[in-house]
mmCIF file of all heavy atoms, coordinates in Angstrom:
data_MODEL
# 
_entry.id   MODEL 
# 
loop_
_atom_site.group_PDB 
_atom_site.id 
_atom_site.type_symbol 
_atom_site.label_atom_id 
_atom_site.label_alt_id 
_atom_site.label_comp_id 
_atom_site.label_asym_id 
_atom_site.label_entity_id 
_atom_site.label_seq_id 
_atom_site.pdbx_PDB_ins_code 
_atom_site.Cartn_x 
_atom_site.Cartn_y 
_atom_site.Cartn_z 
_atom_site.occupancy 
_atom_site.B_iso_or_equiv 
_atom_site.pdbx_formal_charge 
_atom_site.auth_seq_id 
_atom_site.auth_comp_id 
_atom_site.auth_asym_id 
_atom_site.auth_atom_id 
_atom_site.pdbx_PDB_model_num 
ATOM 1   N N   . ALA A 1 1  ? 2.779   15.229 7.483  1.00 0.00 ? 1  ALA A N   1 
ATOM 2   C CA  . ALA A 1 1  ? 3.956   14.456 7.896  1.00 0.00 ? 1  ALA A CA  1 
ATOM 3   C C   . ALA A 1 1  ? 3.726   12.990 7.559  1.00 0.00 ? 1  ALA A C   1 
ATOM 4   O O   . ALA A 1 1  ? 2.588   12.501 7.579  1.00 0.00 ? 1  ALA A O   1 
ATOM 5   C CB  . ALA A 1 1  ? 4.219   14.618 9.382  1.00 0.00 ? 1  ALA A CB  1 
ATOM 6   N N   . ALA A 1 2  ? 4.803   12.276 7.286  1.00 0.00 ? 2  ALA A N   1 
ATOM 7   C CA  . ALA A 1 2  ? 4.695   10.851 6.993  1.00 0.00 ? 2  ALA A CA  1 
ATOM 8   C C   . ALA A 1 2  ? 4.401   10.047 8.249  1.00 0.00 ? 2  ALA A C   1 
ATOM 9   O O   . ALA A 1 2  ? 3.745   8.994  8.190  1.00 0.00 ? 2  ALA A O   1 
ATOM 10  C CB  . ALA A 1 2  ? 5.991   10.357 6.349  1.00 0.00 ? 2  ALA A CB  1 
ATOM 11  N N   . LYS A 1 3  ? 4.876   10.528 9.395  1.00 0.00 ? 3  LYS A N   1 
ATOM 12  C CA  . LYS A 1 3  ? 4.714   9.801  10.649 1.00 0.00 ? 3  LYS A CA  1 
ATOM 13  C C   . LYS A 1 3  ? 4.184   10.734 11.734 1.00 0.00 ? 3  LYS A C   1 
ATOM 14  O O   . LYS A 1 3  ? 4.512   11.918 11.775 1.00 0.00 ? 3  LYS A O   1 
ATOM 15  C CB  . LYS A 1 3  ? 6.056   9.222  11.121 1.00 0.00 ? 3  LYS A CB  1 
ATOM 16  C CG  . LYS A 1 3  ? 6.709   8.245  10.152 1.00 0.00 ? 3  LYS A CG  1 
ATOM 17  C CD  . LYS A 1 3  ? 5.928   6.937  10.082 1.00 0.00 ? 3  LYS A CD  1 
ATOM 18  C CE  . LYS A 1 3  ? 6.622   5.929  9.170  1.00 0.00 ? 3  LYS A CE  1 
ATOM 19  N NZ  . LYS A 1 3  ? 5.831   4.673  9.051  1.00 0.00 ? 3  LYS A NZ  1 
ATOM 20  N N   . GLY A 1 4  ? 3.348   10.179 12.619 1.00 0.00 ? 4  GLY A N   1 
ATOM 21  C CA  . GLY A 1 4  ? 2.981   10.869 13.838 1.00 0.00 ? 4  GLY A CA  1 
ATOM 22  C C   . GLY A 1 4  ? 1.798   11.806 13.755 1.00 0.00 ? 4  GLY A C   1 
ATOM 23  O O   . GLY A 1 4  ? 1.459   12.435 14.758 1.00 0.00 ? 4  GLY A O   1 
ATOM 24  N N   . GLN A 1 5  ? 1.160   11.891 12.596 1.00 0.00 ? 5  GLN A N   1 
ATOM 25  C CA  . GLN A 1 5  ? -0.029  12.736 12.478 1.00 0.00 ? 5  GLN A CA  1 
ATOM 26  C C   . GLN A 1 5  ? -1.156  11.900 11.861 1.00 0.00 ? 5  GLN A C   1 
ATOM 27  O O   . GLN A 1 5  ? -1.312  10.736 12.220 1.00 0.00 ? 5  GLN A O   1 
ATOM 28  C CB  . GLN A 1 5  ? 0.291   14.005 11.688 1.00 0.00 ? 5  GLN A CB  1 
ATOM 29  C CG  . GLN A 1 5  ? 1.242   14.940 12.422 1.00 0.00 ? 5  GLN A CG  1 
ATOM 30  C CD  . GLN A 1 5  ? 1.716   16.135 11.614 1.00 0.00 ? 5  GLN A CD  1 
ATOM 31  O OE1 . GLN A 1 5  ? 2.780   16.693 11.877 1.00 0.00 ? 5  GLN A OE1 1 
ATOM 32  N NE2 . GLN A 1 5  ? 0.963   16.531 10.605 1.00 0.00 ? 5  GLN A NE2 1 
ATOM 33  N N   . ASP A 1 6  ? -1.936  12.484 10.974 1.00 0.00 ? 6  ASP A N   1 
ATOM 34  C CA  . ASP A 1 6  ? -3.105  11.776 10.465 1.00 0.00 ? 6  ASP A CA  1 
ATOM 35  C C   . ASP A 1 6  ? -2.762  10.625 9.524  1.00 0.00 ? 6  ASP A C   1 
ATOM 36  O O   . ASP A 1 6  ? -3.466  9.621  9.475  1.00 0.00 ? 6  ASP A O   1 
ATOM 37  C CB  . ASP A 1 6  ? -4.041  12.757 9.757  1.00 0.00 ? 6  ASP A CB  1 
ATOM 38  C CG  . ASP A 1 6  ? -3.397  13.399 8.528  1.00 0.00 ? 6  ASP A CG  1 
ATOM 39  O OD1 . ASP A 1 6  ? -2.354  14.057 8.695  1.00 0.00 ? 6  ASP A OD1 1 
ATOM 40  O OD2 . ASP A 1 6  ? -3.935  13.248 7.415  1.00 0.00 ? 6  ASP A OD2 1 
ATOM 41  N N   . LEU A 1 7  ? -1.661  10.738 8.776  1.00 0.00 ? 7  LEU A N   1 
ATOM 42  C CA  . LEU A 1 7  ? -1.405  9.802  7.686  1.00 0.00 ? 7  LEU A CA  1 
ATOM 43  C C   . LEU A 1 7  ? -1.235  8.369  8.163  1.00 0.00 ? 7  LEU A C   1 
ATOM 44  O O   . LEU A 1 7  ? -1.768  7.435  7.554  1.00 0.00 ? 7  LEU A O   1 
ATOM 45  C CB  . LEU A 1 7  ? -0.163  10.245 6.897  1.00 0.00 ? 7  LEU A CB  1 
ATOM 46  C CG  . LEU A 1 7  ? 0.049   9.531  5.563  1.00 0.00 ? 7  LEU A CG  1 
ATOM 47  C CD1 . LEU A 1 7  ? -1.079  9.859  4.595  1.00 0.00 ? 7  LEU A CD1 1 
ATOM 48  C CD2 . LEU A 1 7  ? 1.395   9.920  4.954  1.00 0.00 ? 7  LEU A CD2 1 
ATOM 49  N N   . ASP A 1 8  ? -0.503  8.150  9.246  1.00 0.00 ? 8  ASP A N   1 
ATOM 50  C CA  . ASP A 1 8  ? -0.254  6.787  9.727  1.00 0.00 ? 8  ASP A CA  1 
ATOM 51  C C   . ASP A 1 8  ? -0.999  6.508  11.026 1.00 0.00 ? 8  ASP A C   1 
ATOM 52  O O   . ASP A 1 8  ? -0.650  5.585  11.761 1.00 0.00 ? 8  ASP A O   1 
ATOM 53  C CB  . ASP A 1 8  ? 1.248   6.569  9.935  1.00 0.00 ? 8  ASP A CB  1 
ATOM 54  C CG  . ASP A 1 8  ? 1.819   7.421  11.070 1.00 0.00 ? 8  ASP A CG  1 
ATOM 55  O OD1 . ASP A 1 8  ? 1.221   8.472  11.382 1.00 0.00 ? 8  ASP A OD1 1 
ATOM 56  O OD2 . ASP A 1 8  ? 2.865   7.059  11.627 1.00 0.00 ? 8  ASP A OD2 1 
ATOM 57  N N   . PHE A 1 9  ? -2.036  7.266  11.308 1.00 0.00 ? 9  PHE A N   1 
ATOM 58  C CA  . PHE A 1 9  ? -2.702  7.176  12.604 1.00 0.00 ? 9  PHE A CA  1 
ATOM 59  C C   . PHE A 1 9  ? -3.581  5.943  12.735 1.00 0.00 ? 9  PHE A C   1 
ATOM 60  O O   . PHE A 1 9  ? -3.602  5.296  13.780 1.00 0.00 ? 9  PHE A O   1 
ATOM 61  C CB  . PHE A 1 9  ? -3.543  8.433  12.826 1.00 0.00 ? 9  PHE A CB  1 
ATOM 62  C CG  . PHE A 1 9  ? -4.329  8.447  14.104 1.00 0.00 ? 9  PHE A CG  1 
ATOM 63  C CD1 . PHE A 1 9  ? -3.694  8.580  15.331 1.00 0.00 ? 9  PHE A CD1 1 
ATOM 64  C CD2 . PHE A 1 9  ? -5.719  8.318  14.084 1.00 0.00 ? 9  PHE A CD2 1 
ATOM 65  C CE1 . PHE A 1 9  ? -4.417  8.587  16.516 1.00 0.00 ? 9  PHE A CE1 1 
ATOM 66  C CE2 . PHE A 1 9  ? -6.452  8.332  15.262 1.00 0.00 ? 9  PHE A CE2 1 
ATOM 67  C CZ  . PHE A 1 9  ? -5.802  8.471  16.479 1.00 0.00 ? 9  PHE A CZ  1 
ATOM 68  N N   . ASP A 1 10 ? -4.323  5.612  11.690 1.00 0.00 ? 10 ASP A N   1 
ATOM 69  C CA  . ASP A 1 10 ? -5.382  4.621  11.789 1.00 0.00 ? 10 ASP A CA  1 
ATOM 70  C C   . ASP A 1 10 ? -4.990  3.333  11.078 1.00 0.00 ? 10 ASP A C   1 
ATOM 71  O O   . ASP A 1 10 ? -4.974  3.280  9.845  1.00 0.00 ? 10 ASP A O   1 
ATOM 72  C CB  . ASP A 1 10 ? -6.664  5.195  11.169 1.00 0.00 ? 10 ASP A CB  1 
ATOM 73  C CG  . ASP A 1 10 ? -7.897  4.395  11.539 1.00 0.00 ? 10 ASP A CG  1 
ATOM 74  O OD1 . ASP A 1 10 ? -7.751  3.205  11.878 1.00 0.00 ? 10 ASP A OD1 1 
ATOM 75  O OD2 . ASP A 1 10 ? -9.007  4.956  11.484 1.00 0.00 ? 10 ASP A OD2 1 
ATOM 76  N N   . PRO A 1 11 ? -4.679  2.262  11.813 1.00 0.00 ? 11 PRO A N   1 
ATOM 77  C CA  . PRO A 1 11 ? -4.268  1.004  11.166 1.00 0.00 ? 11 PRO A CA  1 
ATOM 78  C C   . PRO A 1 11 ? -5.384  0.353  10.359 1.00 0.00 ? 11 PRO A C   1 
ATOM 79  O O   . PRO A 1 11 ? -5.113  -0.502 9.511  1.00 0.00 ? 11 PRO A O   1 
ATOM 80  C CB  . PRO A 1 11 ? -3.853  0.115  12.349 1.00 0.00 ? 11 PRO A CB  1 
ATOM 81  C CG  . PRO A 1 11 ? -4.568  0.688  13.532 1.00 0.00 ? 11 PRO A CG  1 
ATOM 82  C CD  . PRO A 1 11 ? -4.672  2.158  13.287 1.00 0.00 ? 11 PRO A CD  1 
ATOM 83  N N   . GLU A 1 12 ? -6.619  0.768  10.592 1.00 0.00 ? 12 GLU A N   1 
ATOM 84  C CA  . GLU A 1 12 ? -7.733  0.213  9.828  1.00 0.00 ? 12 GLU A CA  1 
ATOM 85  C C   . GLU A 1 12 ? -7.714  0.690  8.371  1.00 0.00 ? 12 GLU A C   1 
ATOM 86  O O   . GLU A 1 12 ? -8.254  0.027  7.484  1.00 0.00 ? 12 GLU A O   1 
ATOM 87  C CB  . GLU A 1 12 ? -9.062  0.601  10.484 1.00 0.00 ? 12 GLU A CB  1 
ATOM 88  C CG  . GLU A 1 12 ? -10.262 -0.097 9.899  1.00 0.00 ? 12 GLU A CG  1 
ATOM 89  C CD  . GLU A 1 12 ? -11.526 0.150  10.696 1.00 0.00 ? 12 GLU A CD  1 
ATOM 90  O OE1 . GLU A 1 12 ? -11.427 0.522  11.888 1.00 0.00 ? 12 GLU A OE1 1 
ATOM 91  O OE2 . GLU A 1 12 ? -12.615 -0.017 10.126 1.00 0.00 ? 12 GLU A OE2 1 
ATOM 92  N N   . PHE A 1 13 ? -7.086  1.827  8.150  1.00 0.00 ? 13 PHE A N   1 
ATOM 93  C CA  . PHE A 1 13 ? -7.023  2.388  6.804  1.00 0.00 ? 13 PHE A CA  1 
ATOM 94  C C   . PHE A 1 13 ? -5.566  2.737  6.477  1.00 0.00 ? 13 PHE A C   1 
ATOM 95  O O   . PHE A 1 13 ? -5.196  3.914  6.405  1.00 0.00 ? 13 PHE A O   1 
ATOM 96  C CB  . PHE A 1 13 ? -7.911  3.630  6.693  1.00 0.00 ? 13 PHE A CB  1 
ATOM 97  C CG  . PHE A 1 13 ? -9.341  3.357  7.068  1.00 0.00 ? 13 PHE A CG  1 
ATOM 98  C CD1 . PHE A 1 13 ? -9.825  3.715  8.321  1.00 0.00 ? 13 PHE A CD1 1 
ATOM 99  C CD2 . PHE A 1 13 ? -10.190 2.723  6.172  1.00 0.00 ? 13 PHE A CD2 1 
ATOM 100 C CE1 . PHE A 1 13 ? -11.134 3.456  8.675  1.00 0.00 ? 13 PHE A CE1 1 
ATOM 101 C CE2 . PHE A 1 13 ? -11.501 2.453  6.521  1.00 0.00 ? 13 PHE A CE2 1 
ATOM 102 C CZ  . PHE A 1 13 ? -11.982 2.816  7.777  1.00 0.00 ? 13 PHE A CZ  1 
ATOM 103 N N   . PRO A 1 14 ? -4.725  1.723  6.283  1.00 0.00 ? 14 PRO A N   1 
ATOM 104 C CA  . PRO A 1 14 ? -3.309  1.990  6.024  1.00 0.00 ? 14 PRO A CA  1 
ATOM 105 C C   . PRO A 1 14 ? -3.108  2.596  4.638  1.00 0.00 ? 14 PRO A C   1 
ATOM 106 O O   . PRO A 1 14 ? -3.906  2.389  3.715  1.00 0.00 ? 14 PRO A O   1 
ATOM 107 C CB  . PRO A 1 14 ? -2.672  0.600  6.109  1.00 0.00 ? 14 PRO A CB  1 
ATOM 108 C CG  . PRO A 1 14 ? -3.787  -0.335 5.723  1.00 0.00 ? 14 PRO A CG  1 
ATOM 109 C CD  . PRO A 1 14 ? -5.041  0.288  6.278  1.00 0.00 ? 14 PRO A CD  1 
ATOM 110 N N   . ILE A 1 15 ? -2.033  3.344  4.492  1.00 0.00 ? 15 ILE A N   1 
ATOM 111 C CA  . ILE A 1 15 ? -1.671  3.927  3.210  1.00 0.00 ? 15 ILE A CA  1 
ATOM 112 C C   . ILE A 1 15 ? -0.980  2.856  2.367  1.00 0.00 ? 15 ILE A C   1 
ATOM 113 O O   . ILE A 1 15 ? 0.063   2.323  2.751  1.00 0.00 ? 15 ILE A O   1 
ATOM 114 C CB  . ILE A 1 15 ? -0.749  5.145  3.400  1.00 0.00 ? 15 ILE A CB  1 
ATOM 115 C CG1 . ILE A 1 15 ? -1.462  6.213  4.218  1.00 0.00 ? 15 ILE A CG1 1 
ATOM 116 C CG2 . ILE A 1 15 ? -0.308  5.696  2.059  1.00 0.00 ? 15 ILE A CG2 1 
ATOM 117 C CD1 . ILE A 1 15 ? -2.753  6.722  3.601  1.00 0.00 ? 15 ILE A CD1 1 
ATOM 118 N N   . THR A 1 16 ? -1.569  2.531  1.238  1.00 0.00 ? 16 THR A N   1 
ATOM 119 C CA  . THR A 1 16 ? -1.010  1.484  0.385  1.00 0.00 ? 16 THR A CA  1 
ATOM 120 C C   . THR A 1 16 ? -0.295  2.039  -0.840 1.00 0.00 ? 16 THR A C   1 
ATOM 121 O O   . THR A 1 16 ? 0.472   1.328  -1.478 1.00 0.00 ? 16 THR A O   1 
ATOM 122 C CB  . THR A 1 16 ? -2.125  0.533  -0.076 1.00 0.00 ? 16 THR A CB  1 
ATOM 123 O OG1 . THR A 1 16 ? -3.150  1.289  -0.758 1.00 0.00 ? 16 THR A OG1 1 
ATOM 124 C CG2 . THR A 1 16 ? -2.756  -0.185 1.119  1.00 0.00 ? 16 THR A CG2 1 
ATOM 125 N N   . ASN A 1 17 ? -0.552  3.289  -1.145 1.00 0.00 ? 17 ASN A N   1 
ATOM 126 C CA  . ASN A 1 17 ? 0.108   3.913  -2.297 1.00 0.00 ? 17 ASN A CA  1 
ATOM 127 C C   . ASN A 1 17 ? 1.266   4.763  -1.788 1.00 0.00 ? 17 ASN A C   1 
ATOM 128 O O   . ASN A 1 17 ? 1.048   5.787  -1.121 1.00 0.00 ? 17 ASN A O   1 
ATOM 129 C CB  . ASN A 1 17 ? -0.893  4.773  -3.069 1.00 0.00 ? 17 ASN A CB  1 
ATOM 130 C CG  . ASN A 1 17 ? -0.286  5.425  -4.298 1.00 0.00 ? 17 ASN A CG  1 
ATOM 131 O OD1 . ASN A 1 17 ? 0.923   5.356  -4.520 1.00 0.00 ? 17 ASN A OD1 1 
ATOM 132 N ND2 . ASN A 1 17 ? -1.119  6.074  -5.095 1.00 0.00 ? 17 ASN A ND2 1 
ATOM 133 N N   . PRO A 1 18 ? 2.517   4.396  -2.102 1.00 0.00 ? 18 PRO A N   1 
ATOM 134 C CA  . PRO A 1 18 ? 3.655   5.159  -1.560 1.00 0.00 ? 18 PRO A CA  1 
ATOM 135 C C   . PRO A 1 18 ? 3.707   6.595  -2.082 1.00 0.00 ? 18 PRO A C   1 
ATOM 136 O O   . PRO A 1 18 ? 4.383   7.428  -1.478 1.00 0.00 ? 18 PRO A O   1 
ATOM 137 C CB  . PRO A 1 18 ? 4.870   4.354  -2.033 1.00 0.00 ? 18 PRO A CB  1 
ATOM 138 C CG  . PRO A 1 18 ? 4.391   3.585  -3.227 1.00 0.00 ? 18 PRO A CG  1 
ATOM 139 C CD  . PRO A 1 18 ? 2.951   3.268  -2.943 1.00 0.00 ? 18 PRO A CD  1 
ATOM 140 N N   . GLU A 1 19 ? 2.995   6.861  -3.158 1.00 0.00 ? 19 GLU A N   1 
ATOM 141 C CA  . GLU A 1 19 ? 3.024   8.221  -3.691 1.00 0.00 ? 19 GLU A CA  1 
ATOM 142 C C   . GLU A 1 19 ? 2.180   9.195  -2.871 1.00 0.00 ? 19 GLU A C   1 
ATOM 143 O O   . GLU A 1 19 ? 2.269   10.405 -3.070 1.00 0.00 ? 19 GLU A O   1 
ATOM 144 C CB  . GLU A 1 19 ? 2.562   8.244  -5.148 1.00 0.00 ? 19 GLU A CB  1 
ATOM 145 C CG  . GLU A 1 19 ? 3.586   7.666  -6.118 1.00 0.00 ? 19 GLU A CG  1 
ATOM 146 C CD  . GLU A 1 19 ? 3.314   8.078  -7.551 1.00 0.00 ? 19 GLU A CD  1 
ATOM 147 O OE1 . GLU A 1 19 ? 2.497   8.993  -7.772 1.00 0.00 ? 19 GLU A OE1 1 
ATOM 148 O OE2 . GLU A 1 19 ? 3.923   7.484  -8.465 1.00 0.00 ? 19 GLU A OE2 1 
ATOM 149 N N   . ILE A 1 20 ? 1.342   8.669  -1.966 1.00 0.00 ? 20 ILE A N   1 
ATOM 150 C CA  . ILE A 1 20 ? 0.509   9.565  -1.150 1.00 0.00 ? 20 ILE A CA  1 
ATOM 151 C C   . ILE A 1 20 ? 1.380   10.562 -0.402 1.00 0.00 ? 20 ILE A C   1 
ATOM 152 O O   . ILE A 1 20 ? 1.131   11.773 -0.412 1.00 0.00 ? 20 ILE A O   1 
ATOM 153 C CB  . ILE A 1 20 ? -0.358  8.760  -0.157 1.00 0.00 ? 20 ILE A CB  1 
ATOM 154 C CG1 . ILE A 1 20 ? -1.424  7.957  -0.911 1.00 0.00 ? 20 ILE A CG1 1 
ATOM 155 C CG2 . ILE A 1 20 ? -1.011  9.691  0.850  1.00 0.00 ? 20 ILE A CG2 1 
ATOM 156 C CD1 . ILE A 1 20 ? -2.493  8.792  -1.565 1.00 0.00 ? 20 ILE A CD1 1 
ATOM 157 N N   . ILE A 1 21 ? 2.407   10.079 0.273  1.00 0.00 ? 21 ILE A N   1 
ATOM 158 C CA  . ILE A 1 21 ? 3.256   10.995 1.041  1.00 0.00 ? 21 ILE A CA  1 
ATOM 159 C C   . ILE A 1 21 ? 4.014   11.928 0.098  1.00 0.00 ? 21 ILE A C   1 
ATOM 160 O O   . ILE A 1 21 ? 4.288   13.084 0.430  1.00 0.00 ? 21 ILE A O   1 
ATOM 161 C CB  . ILE A 1 21 ? 4.221   10.228 1.976  1.00 0.00 ? 21 ILE A CB  1 
ATOM 162 C CG1 . ILE A 1 21 ? 5.003   11.214 2.863  1.00 0.00 ? 21 ILE A CG1 1 
ATOM 163 C CG2 . ILE A 1 21 ? 5.176   9.351  1.183  1.00 0.00 ? 21 ILE A CG2 1 
ATOM 164 C CD1 . ILE A 1 21 ? 4.153   12.142 3.695  1.00 0.00 ? 21 ILE A CD1 1 
ATOM 165 N N   . TRP A 1 22 ? 4.343   11.462 -1.095 1.00 0.00 ? 22 TRP A N   1 
ATOM 166 C CA  . TRP A 1 22 ? 5.017   12.351 -2.047 1.00 0.00 ? 22 TRP A CA  1 
ATOM 167 C C   . TRP A 1 22 ? 4.091   13.512 -2.424 1.00 0.00 ? 22 TRP A C   1 
ATOM 168 O O   . TRP A 1 22 ? 4.535   14.650 -2.550 1.00 0.00 ? 22 TRP A O   1 
ATOM 169 C CB  . TRP A 1 22 ? 5.428   11.578 -3.298 1.00 0.00 ? 22 TRP A CB  1 
ATOM 170 C CG  . TRP A 1 22 ? 6.380   10.453 -3.032 1.00 0.00 ? 22 TRP A CG  1 
ATOM 171 C CD1 . TRP A 1 22 ? 7.048   10.194 -1.863 1.00 0.00 ? 22 TRP A CD1 1 
ATOM 172 C CD2 . TRP A 1 22 ? 6.759   9.426  -3.941 1.00 0.00 ? 22 TRP A CD2 1 
ATOM 173 N NE1 . TRP A 1 22 ? 7.815   9.079  -1.990 1.00 0.00 ? 22 TRP A NE1 1 
ATOM 174 C CE2 . TRP A 1 22 ? 7.673   8.578  -3.254 1.00 0.00 ? 22 TRP A CE2 1 
ATOM 175 C CE3 . TRP A 1 22 ? 6.429   9.131  -5.257 1.00 0.00 ? 22 TRP A CE3 1 
ATOM 176 C CZ2 . TRP A 1 22 ? 8.242   7.461  -3.847 1.00 0.00 ? 22 TRP A CZ2 1 
ATOM 177 C CZ3 . TRP A 1 22 ? 7.004   8.022  -5.862 1.00 0.00 ? 22 TRP A CZ3 1 
ATOM 178 C CH2 . TRP A 1 22 ? 7.897   7.195  -5.176 1.00 0.00 ? 22 TRP A CH2 1 
ATOM 179 N N   . ARG A 1 23 ? 2.811   13.205 -2.600 1.00 0.00 ? 23 ARG A N   1 
ATOM 180 C CA  . ARG A 1 23 ? 1.856   14.269 -2.920 1.00 0.00 ? 23 ARG A CA  1 
ATOM 181 C C   . ARG A 1 23 ? 1.758   15.260 -1.766 1.00 0.00 ? 23 ARG A C   1 
ATOM 182 O O   . ARG A 1 23 ? 1.683   16.473 -1.972 1.00 0.00 ? 23 ARG A O   1 
ATOM 183 C CB  . ARG A 1 23 ? 0.481   13.678 -3.210 1.00 0.00 ? 23 ARG A CB  1 
ATOM 184 C CG  . ARG A 1 23 ? 0.411   12.814 -4.460 1.00 0.00 ? 23 ARG A CG  1 
ATOM 185 C CD  . ARG A 1 23 ? -0.957  12.184 -4.568 1.00 0.00 ? 23 ARG A CD  1 
ATOM 186 N NE  . ARG A 1 23 ? -0.937  11.017 -5.430 1.00 0.00 ? 23 ARG A NE  1 
ATOM 187 C CZ  . ARG A 1 23 ? -1.905  10.107 -5.481 1.00 0.00 ? 23 ARG A CZ  1 
ATOM 188 N NH1 . ARG A 1 23 ? -2.967  10.245 -4.703 1.00 0.00 ? 23 ARG A NH1 1 
ATOM 189 N NH2 . ARG A 1 23 ? -1.809  9.082  -6.293 1.00 0.00 ? 23 ARG A NH2 1 
ATOM 190 N N   . LEU A 1 24 ? 1.767   14.716 -0.551 1.00 0.00 ? 24 LEU A N   1 
ATOM 191 C CA  . LEU A 1 24 ? 1.663   15.606 0.605  1.00 0.00 ? 24 LEU A CA  1 
ATOM 192 C C   . LEU A 1 24 ? 2.930   16.442 0.762  1.00 0.00 ? 24 LEU A C   1 
ATOM 193 O O   . LEU A 1 24 ? 2.871   17.601 1.179  1.00 0.00 ? 24 LEU A O   1 
ATOM 194 C CB  . LEU A 1 24 ? 1.379   14.787 1.860  1.00 0.00 ? 24 LEU A CB  1 
ATOM 195 C CG  . LEU A 1 24 ? 0.046   14.030 1.845  1.00 0.00 ? 24 LEU A CG  1 
ATOM 196 C CD1 . LEU A 1 24 ? -0.151  13.267 3.141  1.00 0.00 ? 24 LEU A CD1 1 
ATOM 197 C CD2 . LEU A 1 24 ? -1.120  14.980 1.596  1.00 0.00 ? 24 LEU A CD2 1 
ATOM 198 N N   . ARG A 1 25 ? 4.068   15.876 0.428  1.00 0.00 ? 25 ARG A N   1 
ATOM 199 C CA  . ARG A 1 25 ? 5.299   16.677 0.470  1.00 0.00 ? 25 ARG A CA  1 
ATOM 200 C C   . ARG A 1 25 ? 5.236   17.789 -0.570 1.00 0.00 ? 25 ARG A C   1 
ATOM 201 O O   . ARG A 1 25 ? 5.749   18.886 -0.345 1.00 0.00 ? 25 ARG A O   1 
ATOM 202 C CB  . ARG A 1 25 ? 6.512   15.786 0.251  1.00 0.00 ? 25 ARG A CB  1 
ATOM 203 C CG  . ARG A 1 25 ? 6.780   14.820 1.396  1.00 0.00 ? 25 ARG A CG  1 
ATOM 204 C CD  . ARG A 1 25 ? 8.189   14.241 1.341  1.00 0.00 ? 25 ARG A CD  1 
ATOM 205 N NE  . ARG A 1 25 ? 8.351   13.178 2.319  1.00 0.00 ? 25 ARG A NE  1 
ATOM 206 C CZ  . ARG A 1 25 ? 8.533   13.366 3.639  1.00 0.00 ? 25 ARG A CZ  1 
ATOM 207 N NH1 . ARG A 1 25 ? 8.533   14.598 4.131  1.00 0.00 ? 25 ARG A NH1 1 
ATOM 208 N NH2 . ARG A 1 25 ? 8.688   12.329 4.449  1.00 0.00 ? 25 ARG A NH2 1 
ATOM 209 N N   . ALA A 1 26 ? 4.615   17.515 -1.702 1.00 0.00 ? 26 ALA A N   1 
ATOM 210 C CA  . ALA A 1 26 ? 4.435   18.561 -2.708 1.00 0.00 ? 26 ALA A CA  1 
ATOM 211 C C   . ALA A 1 26 ? 3.523   19.669 -2.164 1.00 0.00 ? 26 ALA A C   1 
ATOM 212 O O   . ALA A 1 26 ? 3.770   20.861 -2.385 1.00 0.00 ? 26 ALA A O   1 
ATOM 213 C CB  . ALA A 1 26 ? 3.858   17.971 -3.990 1.00 0.00 ? 26 ALA A CB  1 
# 
């Protein structure tokens, strides 16, 4: 999921590549 699980959990390691969630949706 884009929100509420592991992907956006840790502010110390933010997702900077917007394609990450696209890969996970795939």
